Amino acid sequence: MSNDHPKVLLVEDEPAQREVLKYNLQSEGFDVVAAADGDEAILLVEEETPDIIVLDWMLPGISGIEICRRIKSKSHTRSIPVIMLSARAEEVDRVRGLETGADDYVVKPYSVLELMARVRSQLRRVRPASVGQRLEYEDIILDSETHRVTRSDNPLKLGPTEFRLLSTFMEKPGRVWSREQLLDRVWGRDIYVDSRTVDVHVGRLRKALCLHGGEDPVRTVRGAGYALG
């Protein structure tokens, strides 16, 4: 299964609430992985590389605050948005949650519709193509809603894999993506794909981007992977 849909890690120890949130997130088109305690959450952050984390403060074992602190202290996970859920409504608690690194703080009881809007808002910042945003890089325009790509106003024909590759590159121009990271983002973890397959599809993407002229915008970083620009 490809990672067209953003992946949400939901960390909530109360079973009924976890199922309600999981159902609503899936209804919004998100892939959801769920954890019932802190230890499981930390494991899933490393295994699943979620795009966003919805995290309850009060958990058995490791608290949500401590999980957030650990996520934000590591270079490879600190950019993952964290939305903290808490029954603590006092300003001091909200400030503590945000100072620990949470990107948003939602007080219980909350509106599920409002929480979904907050999830989309955070994803718009880190994965704009996944929520229908139009991306632009130099003379390349990618419209994720209509699934169209143009370069210097020339329409480009891209296969679904090349489209996902390009949207990944265009969301973070200049970032170097390893083959393993691209495999996880573009192909997903549910099927086995050899890392050399990444090279084949990057080659196809380059050919399509340069079909009407122009320099190749995809840069090979020796021993590291690929980047746009």
C-alpha atoms as a PDB file:
ATOM      1  CA  MET A   1       0.000   0.000   0.000  1.00  0.00           C
ATOM      2  CA  SER A   2       1.382   3.420  -0.905  1.00  0.00           C
ATOM      3  CA  ASN A   3       1.503   6.319   1.496  1.00  0.00           C
ATOM      4  CA  ASP A   4      -0.857   8.620  -0.419  1.00  0.00           C
ATOM      5  CA  HIS A   5      -2.717   9.168   2.851  1.00  0.00           C
ATOM      6  CA  PRO A   6      -1.051  10.891   5.799  1.00  0.00           C
ATOM      7  CA  LYS A   7      -0.291   8.570   8.690  1.00  0.00           C
ATOM      8  CA  VAL A   8      -1.588   9.517  12.145  1.00  0.00           C
ATOM      9  CA  LEU A   9      -0.268   7.952  15.347  1.00  0.00           C
ATOM     10  CA  LEU A  10      -3.099   8.084  17.890  1.00  0.00           C
ATOM     11  CA  VAL A  11      -2.034   7.595  21.518  1.00  0.00           C
ATOM     12  CA  GLU A  12      -5.040   7.237  23.835  1.00  0.00           C
ATOM     13  CA  ASP A  13      -5.441   4.736  26.703  1.00  0.00           C
ATOM     14  CA  GLU A  14      -9.239   4.963  26.972  1.00  0.00           C
ATOM     15  CA  PRO A  15     -10.586   2.302  24.551  1.00  0.00           C
ATOM     16  CA  ALA A  16     -13.930   3.938  23.669  1.00  0.00           C
ATOM     17  CA  GLN A  17     -12.338   7.335  23.028  1.00  0.00           C
ATOM     18  CA  ARG A  18      -9.550   5.720  21.009  1.00  0.00           C
ATOM     19  CA  GLU A  19     -12.057   3.960  18.749  1.00  0.00           C
ATOM     20  CA  VAL A  20     -14.122   7.138  18.218  1.00  0.00           C
ATOM     21  CA  LEU A  21     -11.026   9.106  17.219  1.00  0.00           C
ATOM     22  CA  LYS A  22      -9.693   6.295  15.065  1.00  0.00           C
ATOM     23  CA  TYR A  23     -13.007   6.034  13.215  1.00  0.00           C
ATOM     24  CA  ASN A  24     -13.169   9.794  12.596  1.00  0.00           C
ATOM     25  CA  LEU A  25      -9.562  10.034  11.461  1.00  0.00           C
ATOM     26  CA  GLN A  26     -10.035   7.140   9.052  1.00  0.00           C
ATOM     27  CA  SER A  27     -13.237   8.770   7.781  1.00  0.00           C
ATOM     28  CA  GLU A  28     -11.132  11.854   6.977  1.00  0.00           C
ATOM     29  CA  GLY A  29      -8.911   9.648   4.804  1.00  0.00           C
ATOM     30  CA  PHE A  30      -5.990   9.214   7.201  1.00  0.00           C
ATOM     31  CA  ASP A  31      -4.057   6.009   7.833  1.00  0.00           C
ATOM     32  CA  VAL A  32      -4.204   5.432  11.588  1.00  0.00           C
ATOM     33  CA  VAL A  33      -1.951   3.462  13.901  1.00  0.00           C
ATOM     34  CA  ALA A  34      -2.999   3.444  17.559  1.00  0.00           C
ATOM     35  CA  ALA A  35      -1.225   2.947  20.871  1.00  0.00           C
ATOM     36  CA  ALA A  36      -2.745   2.478  24.322  1.00  0.00           C
ATOM     37  CA  ASP A  37       0.288   3.403  26.416  1.00  0.00           C
ATOM     38  CA  GLY A  38       3.552   5.309  26.309  1.00  0.00           C
ATOM     39  CA  ASP A  39       5.888   2.385  25.658  1.00  0.00           C
ATOM     40  CA  GLU A  40       3.872   1.283  22.621  1.00  0.00           C
ATOM     41  CA  ALA A  41       3.726   4.876  21.392  1.00  0.00           C
ATOM     42  CA  ILE A  42       7.515   5.312  21.481  1.00  0.00           C
ATOM     43  CA  LEU A  43       7.956   2.035  19.606  1.00  0.00           C
ATOM     44  CA  LEU A  44       5.436   3.060  16.905  1.00  0.00           C
ATOM     45  CA  VAL A  45       7.048   6.471  16.412  1.00  0.00           C
ATOM     46  CA  GLU A  46      10.249   4.679  15.359  1.00  0.00           C
ATOM     47  CA  GLU A  47       8.579   1.853  13.408  1.00  0.00           C
ATOM     48  CA  GLU A  48       5.860   3.787  11.563  1.00  0.00           C
ATOM     49  CA  THR A  49       7.356   7.292  11.081  1.00  0.00           C
ATOM     50  CA  PRO A  50       3.947   8.998  11.403  1.00  0.00           C
ATOM     51  CA  ASP A  51       3.189  12.335   9.741  1.00  0.00           C
ATOM     52  CA  ILE A  52       1.424  13.607  12.865  1.00  0.00           C
ATOM     53  CA  ILE A  53       0.826  12.408  16.445  1.00  0.00           C
ATOM     54  CA  VAL A  54      -2.362  12.887  18.471  1.00  0.00           C
ATOM     55  CA  LEU A  55      -1.188  12.323  22.029  1.00  0.00           C
ATOM     56  CA  ASP A  56      -3.074  12.062  25.321  1.00  0.00           C
ATOM     57  CA  TRP A  57      -1.285  13.636  28.286  1.00  0.00           C
ATOM     58  CA  MET A  58      -2.407  11.105  30.927  1.00  0.00           C
ATOM     59  CA  LEU A  59      -1.187   7.624  30.000  1.00  0.00           C
ATOM     60  CA  PRO A  60      -0.214   4.538  31.983  1.00  0.00           C
ATOM     61  CA  GLY A  61       3.555   4.314  32.357  1.00  0.00           C
ATOM     62  CA  ILE A  62       5.282   7.043  30.362  1.00  0.00           C
ATOM     63  CA  SER A  63       3.248  10.275  30.286  1.00  0.00           C
ATOM     64  CA  GLY A  64       2.316  12.111  27.122  1.00  0.00           C
ATOM     65  CA  ILE A  65       4.508  15.037  28.205  1.00  0.00           C
ATOM     66  CA  GLU A  66       7.551  12.744  28.439  1.00  0.00           C
ATOM     67  CA  ILE A  67       6.764  11.126  25.070  1.00  0.00           C
ATOM     68  CA  CYS A  68       6.499  14.583  23.492  1.00  0.00           C
ATOM     69  CA  ARG A  69       9.819  15.618  25.062  1.00  0.00           C
ATOM     70  CA  ARG A  70      11.556  12.521  23.646  1.00  0.00           C
ATOM     71  CA  ILE A  71      10.070  13.014  20.166  1.00  0.00           C
ATOM     72  CA  LYS A  72      11.157  16.649  20.040  1.00  0.00           C
ATOM     73  CA  SER A  73      14.660  15.890  21.363  1.00  0.00           C
ATOM     74  CA  LYS A  74      15.587  13.639  18.416  1.00  0.00           C
ATOM     75  CA  SER A  75      16.610  15.137  15.087  1.00  0.00           C
ATOM     76  CA  HIS A  76      14.768  12.541  12.980  1.00  0.00           C
ATOM     77  CA  THR A  77      11.420  12.943  14.800  1.00  0.00           C
ATOM     78  CA  ARG A  78      11.345  16.539  16.064  1.00  0.00           C
ATOM     79  CA  SER A  79       9.596  17.834  12.938  1.00  0.00           C
ATOM     80  CA  ILE A  80       6.591  15.521  13.469  1.00  0.00           C
ATOM     81  CA  PRO A  81       3.672  17.687  14.686  1.00  0.00           C
ATOM     82  CA  VAL A  82       2.257  16.686  18.075  1.00  0.00           C
ATOM     83  CA  ILE A  83      -1.282  17.589  19.137  1.00  0.00           C
ATOM     84  CA  MET A  84      -1.611  17.137  22.902  1.00  0.00           C
ATOM     85  CA  LEU A  85      -4.978  16.087  24.362  1.00  0.00           C
ATOM     86  CA  SER A  86      -5.565  16.844  28.028  1.00  0.00           C
ATOM     87  CA  ALA A  87      -8.265  17.319  30.652  1.00  0.00           C
ATOM     88  CA  ARG A  88      -5.954  19.919  32.224  1.00  0.00           C
ATOM     89  CA  ALA A  89      -7.487  23.248  31.260  1.00  0.00           C
ATOM     90  CA  GLU A  90      -5.347  25.563  33.368  1.00  0.00           C
ATOM     91  CA  GLU A  91      -3.114  28.024  31.539  1.00  0.00           C
ATOM     92  CA  VAL A  92      -0.038  26.717  33.346  1.00  0.00           C
ATOM     93  CA  ASP A  93      -0.706  23.204  31.993  1.00  0.00           C
ATOM     94  CA  ARG A  94      -1.271  24.478  28.457  1.00  0.00           C
ATOM     95  CA  VAL A  95       1.982  26.434  28.629  1.00  0.00           C
ATOM     96  CA  ARG A  96       3.830  23.386  29.982  1.00  0.00           C
ATOM     97  CA  GLY A  97       2.541  21.229  27.114  1.00  0.00           C
ATOM     98  CA  LEU A  98       3.537  23.768  24.477  1.00  0.00           C
ATOM     99  CA  GLU A  99       6.928  24.409  26.073  1.00  0.00           C
ATOM    100  CA  THR A 100       7.632  20.666  26.002  1.00  0.00           C
ATOM    101  CA  GLY A 101       7.278  20.887  22.226  1.00  0.00           C
ATOM    102  CA  ALA A 102       3.611  20.181  21.482  1.00  0.00           C
ATOM    103  CA  ASP A 103       2.489  22.001  18.345  1.00  0.00           C
ATOM    104  CA  ASP A 104      -1.105  22.303  19.547  1.00  0.00           C
ATOM    105  CA  TYR A 105      -3.001  21.702  22.795  1.00  0.00           C
ATOM    106  CA  VAL A 106      -6.631  20.568  22.919  1.00  0.00           C
ATOM    107  CA  VAL A 107      -8.575  20.496  26.183  1.00  0.00           C
ATOM    108  CA  LYS A 108     -11.002  17.646  26.950  1.00  0.00           C
ATOM    109  CA  PRO A 109     -13.909  17.425  26.383  1.00  0.00           C
ATOM    110  CA  TYR A 110     -13.379  18.639  22.840  1.00  0.00           C
ATOM    111  CA  SER A 111     -15.265  18.731  19.559  1.00  0.00           C
ATOM    112  CA  VAL A 112     -14.149  15.911  17.266  1.00  0.00           C
ATOM    113  CA  LEU A 113     -14.795  18.185  14.271  1.00  0.00           C
ATOM    114  CA  GLU A 114     -12.491  20.826  15.749  1.00  0.00           C
ATOM    115  CA  LEU A 115      -9.790  18.226  16.422  1.00  0.00           C
ATOM    116  CA  MET A 116      -9.999  17.010  12.799  1.00  0.00           C
ATOM    117  CA  ALA A 117      -9.589  20.617  11.644  1.00  0.00           C
ATOM    118  CA  ARG A 118      -6.521  21.012  13.850  1.00  0.00           C
ATOM    119  CA  VAL A 119      -5.015  17.801  12.460  1.00  0.00           C
ATOM    120  CA  ARG A 120      -5.526  19.080   8.901  1.00  0.00           C
ATOM    121  CA  SER A 121      -4.031  22.443   9.852  1.00  0.00           C
ATOM    122  CA  GLN A 122      -0.842  20.842  11.173  1.00  0.00           C
ATOM    123  CA  LEU A 123      -0.595  18.544   8.136  1.00  0.00           C
ATOM    124  CA  ARG A 124      -0.979  21.530   5.826  1.00  0.00           C
ATOM    125  CA  ARG A 125       2.286  22.773   7.296  1.00  0.00           C
ATOM    126  CA  VAL A 126       4.335  19.564   7.029  1.00  0.00           C
ATOM    127  CA  ARG A 127       2.678  17.656   4.140  1.00  0.00           C
ATOM    128  CA  PRO A 128       0.760  20.202   2.070  1.00  0.00           C
ATOM    129  CA  ALA A 129       0.218  17.876  -0.909  1.00  0.00           C
ATOM    130  CA  SER A 130      -1.585  15.368   1.308  1.00  0.00           C
ATOM    131  CA  VAL A 131      -4.359  17.867   2.068  1.00  0.00           C
ATOM    132  CA  GLY A 132      -4.849  19.082  -1.503  1.00  0.00           C
ATOM    133  CA  GLN A 133      -2.451  22.014  -1.537  1.00  0.00           C
ATOM    134  CA  ARG A 134      -0.877  23.254  -4.775  1.00  0.00           C
ATOM    135  CA  LEU A 135       2.922  23.112  -4.701  1.00  0.00           C
ATOM    136  CA  GLU A 136       5.331  25.245  -6.712  1.00  0.00           C
ATOM    137  CA  TYR A 137       9.079  24.962  -7.194  1.00  0.00           C
ATOM    138  CA  GLU A 138      10.718  27.258  -9.749  1.00  0.00           C
ATOM    139  CA  ASP A 139       8.846  26.519 -13.019  1.00  0.00           C
ATOM    140  CA  ILE A 140       7.225  23.289 -11.749  1.00  0.00           C
ATOM    141  CA  ILE A 141       3.626  23.330 -10.475  1.00  0.00           C
ATOM    142  CA  LEU A 142       2.019  20.278  -8.849  1.00  0.00           C
ATOM    143  CA  ASP A 143      -1.709  20.294  -8.144  1.00  0.00           C
ATOM    144  CA  SER A 144      -2.428  17.407  -5.801  1.00  0.00           C
ATOM    145  CA  GLU A 145      -6.194  17.872  -6.077  1.00  0.00           C
ATOM    146  CA  THR A 146      -6.375  17.478  -9.865  1.00  0.00           C
ATOM    147  CA  HIS A 147      -3.265  15.255  -9.993  1.00  0.00           C
ATOM    148  CA  ARG A 148      -1.683  17.471 -12.656  1.00  0.00           C
ATOM    149  CA  VAL A 149       1.903  18.633 -13.056  1.00  0.00           C
ATOM    150  CA  THR A 150       3.226  21.328 -15.381  1.00  0.00           C
ATOM    151  CA  ARG A 151       6.702  22.690 -16.066  1.00  0.00           C
ATOM    152  CA  SER A 152       6.968  26.055 -17.809  1.00  0.00           C
ATOM    153  CA  ASP A 153       3.233  25.640 -18.571  1.00  0.00           C
ATOM    154  CA  ASN A 154       3.864  22.328 -20.371  1.00  0.00           C
ATOM    155  CA  PRO A 155       1.714  19.475 -18.970  1.00  0.00           C
ATOM    156  CA  LEU A 156       3.752  16.479 -17.812  1.00  0.00           C
ATOM    157  CA  LYS A 157       2.574  12.882 -17.827  1.00  0.00           C
ATOM    158  CA  LEU A 158       3.637  11.175 -14.605  1.00  0.00           C
ATOM    159  CA  GLY A 159       2.776   7.714 -13.346  1.00  0.00           C
ATOM    160  CA  PRO A 160       1.310   7.491  -9.817  1.00  0.00           C
ATOM    161  CA  THR A 161       4.671   6.545  -8.278  1.00  0.00           C
ATOM    162  CA  GLU A 162       6.499   9.394 -10.014  1.00  0.00           C
ATOM    163  CA  PHE A 163       3.748  11.784  -8.906  1.00  0.00           C
ATOM    164  CA  ARG A 164       4.173  10.726  -5.256  1.00  0.00           C
ATOM    165  CA  LEU A 165       7.947  11.047  -5.563  1.00  0.00           C
ATOM    166  CA  LEU A 166       7.678  14.555  -6.958  1.00  0.00           C
ATOM    167  CA  SER A 167       5.171  15.679  -4.333  1.00  0.00           C
ATOM    168  CA  THR A 168       7.505  14.351  -1.615  1.00  0.00           C
ATOM    169  CA  PHE A 169      10.432  16.295  -3.073  1.00  0.00           C
ATOM    170  CA  MET A 170       8.369  19.463  -3.587  1.00  0.00           C
ATOM    171  CA  GLU A 171       7.051  19.499  -0.032  1.00  0.00           C
ATOM    172  CA  LYS A 172      10.600  19.974   1.255  1.00  0.00           C
ATOM    173  CA  PRO A 173      12.888  21.390  -1.466  1.00  0.00           C
ATOM    174  CA  GLY A 174      16.544  20.960  -0.595  1.00  0.00           C
ATOM    175  CA  ARG A 175      15.950  18.133   1.865  1.00  0.00           C
ATOM    176  CA  VAL A 176      17.976  15.012   1.130  1.00  0.00           C
ATOM    177  CA  TRP A 177      15.813  11.872   1.176  1.00  0.00           C
ATOM    178  CA  SER A 178      17.503   8.494   1.587  1.00  0.00           C
ATOM    179  CA  ARG A 179      16.244   5.575  -0.504  1.00  0.00           C
ATOM    180  CA  GLU A 180      14.806   4.006   2.661  1.00  0.00           C
ATOM    181  CA  GLN A 181      12.890   7.185   3.526  1.00  0.00           C
ATOM    182  CA  LEU A 182      11.500   7.382   0.003  1.00  0.00           C
ATOM    183  CA  LEU A 183      10.490   3.722   0.124  1.00  0.00           C
ATOM    184  CA  ASP A 184       8.577   4.372   3.342  1.00  0.00           C
ATOM    185  CA  ARG A 185       6.909   7.577   2.125  1.00  0.00           C
ATOM    186  CA  VAL A 186       6.134   6.617  -1.480  1.00  0.00           C
ATOM    187  CA  TRP A 187       5.680   2.839  -1.419  1.00  0.00           C
ATOM    188  CA  GLY A 188       4.760   2.237   2.220  1.00  0.00           C
ATOM    189  CA  ARG A 189       5.779  -0.640   4.479  1.00  0.00           C
ATOM    190  CA  ASP A 190       3.117  -3.120   3.425  1.00  0.00           C
ATOM    191  CA  ILE A 191       4.976  -4.424   0.365  1.00  0.00           C
ATOM    192  CA  TYR A 192       8.597  -5.300  -0.271  1.00  0.00           C
ATOM    193  CA  VAL A 193      10.330  -3.107  -2.819  1.00  0.00           C
ATOM    194  CA  ASP A 194      14.055  -3.233  -3.491  1.00  0.00           C
ATOM    195  CA  SER A 195      15.843   0.077  -2.901  1.00  0.00           C
ATOM    196  CA  ARG A 196      17.093  -0.023  -6.512  1.00  0.00           C
ATOM    197  CA  THR A 197      13.473   0.464  -7.551  1.00  0.00           C
ATOM    198  CA  VAL A 198      13.772   3.999  -6.159  1.00  0.00           C
ATOM    199  CA  ASP A 199      16.586   4.722  -8.627  1.00  0.00           C
ATOM    200  CA  VAL A 200      14.471   3.445 -11.528  1.00  0.00           C
ATOM    201  CA  HIS A 201      11.508   5.675 -10.662  1.00  0.00           C
ATOM    202  CA  VAL A 202      13.686   8.708  -9.954  1.00  0.00           C
ATOM    203  CA  GLY A 203      15.145   8.159 -13.429  1.00  0.00           C
ATOM    204  CA  ARG A 204      11.644   8.114 -14.923  1.00  0.00           C
ATOM    205  CA  LEU A 205      10.721  11.262 -13.007  1.00  0.00           C
ATOM    206  CA  ARG A 206      13.832  13.048 -14.286  1.00  0.00           C
ATOM    207  CA  LYS A 207      13.032  12.058 -17.868  1.00  0.00           C
ATOM    208  CA  ALA A 208       9.483  13.368 -17.562  1.00  0.00           C
ATOM    209  CA  LEU A 209      10.590  16.643 -15.952  1.00  0.00           C
ATOM    210  CA  CYS A 210      13.121  17.324 -18.718  1.00  0.00           C
ATOM    211  CA  LEU A 211      10.926  16.211 -21.625  1.00  0.00           C
ATOM    212  CA  HIS A 212      10.327  19.787 -22.813  1.00  0.00           C
ATOM    213  CA  GLY A 213      13.796  21.054 -21.923  1.00  0.00           C
ATOM    214  CA  GLY A 214      15.185  22.652 -18.797  1.00  0.00           C
ATOM    215  CA  GLU A 215      17.784  21.438 -16.333  1.00  0.00           C
ATOM    216  CA  ASP A 216      17.280  18.345 -14.214  1.00  0.00           C
ATOM    217  CA  PRO A 217      16.053  19.691 -10.839  1.00  0.00           C
ATOM    218  CA  VAL A 218      16.608  16.396  -8.978  1.00  0.00           C
ATOM    219  CA  ARG A 219      20.003  16.195  -7.332  1.00  0.00           C
ATOM    220  CA  THR A 220      21.779  12.931  -6.501  1.00  0.00           C
ATOM    221  CA  VAL A 221      23.622  13.157  -3.192  1.00  0.00           C
ATOM    222  CA  ARG A 222      26.285  10.486  -3.254  1.00  0.00           C
ATOM    223  CA  GLY A 223      25.937   8.000  -0.429  1.00  0.00           C
ATOM    224  CA  ALA A 224      22.845   9.780   0.912  1.00  0.00           C
ATOM    225  CA  GLY A 225      19.977   9.835  -1.591  1.00  0.00           C
ATOM    226  CA  TYR A 226      18.091  12.447  -3.606  1.00  0.00           C
ATOM    227  CA  ALA A 227      16.946  16.022  -3.227  1.00  0.00           C
ATOM    228  CA  LEU A 228      15.056  18.622  -5.229  1.00  0.00           C
ATOM    229  CA  GLY A 229      17.397  21.533  -5.884  1.00  0.00           C
END
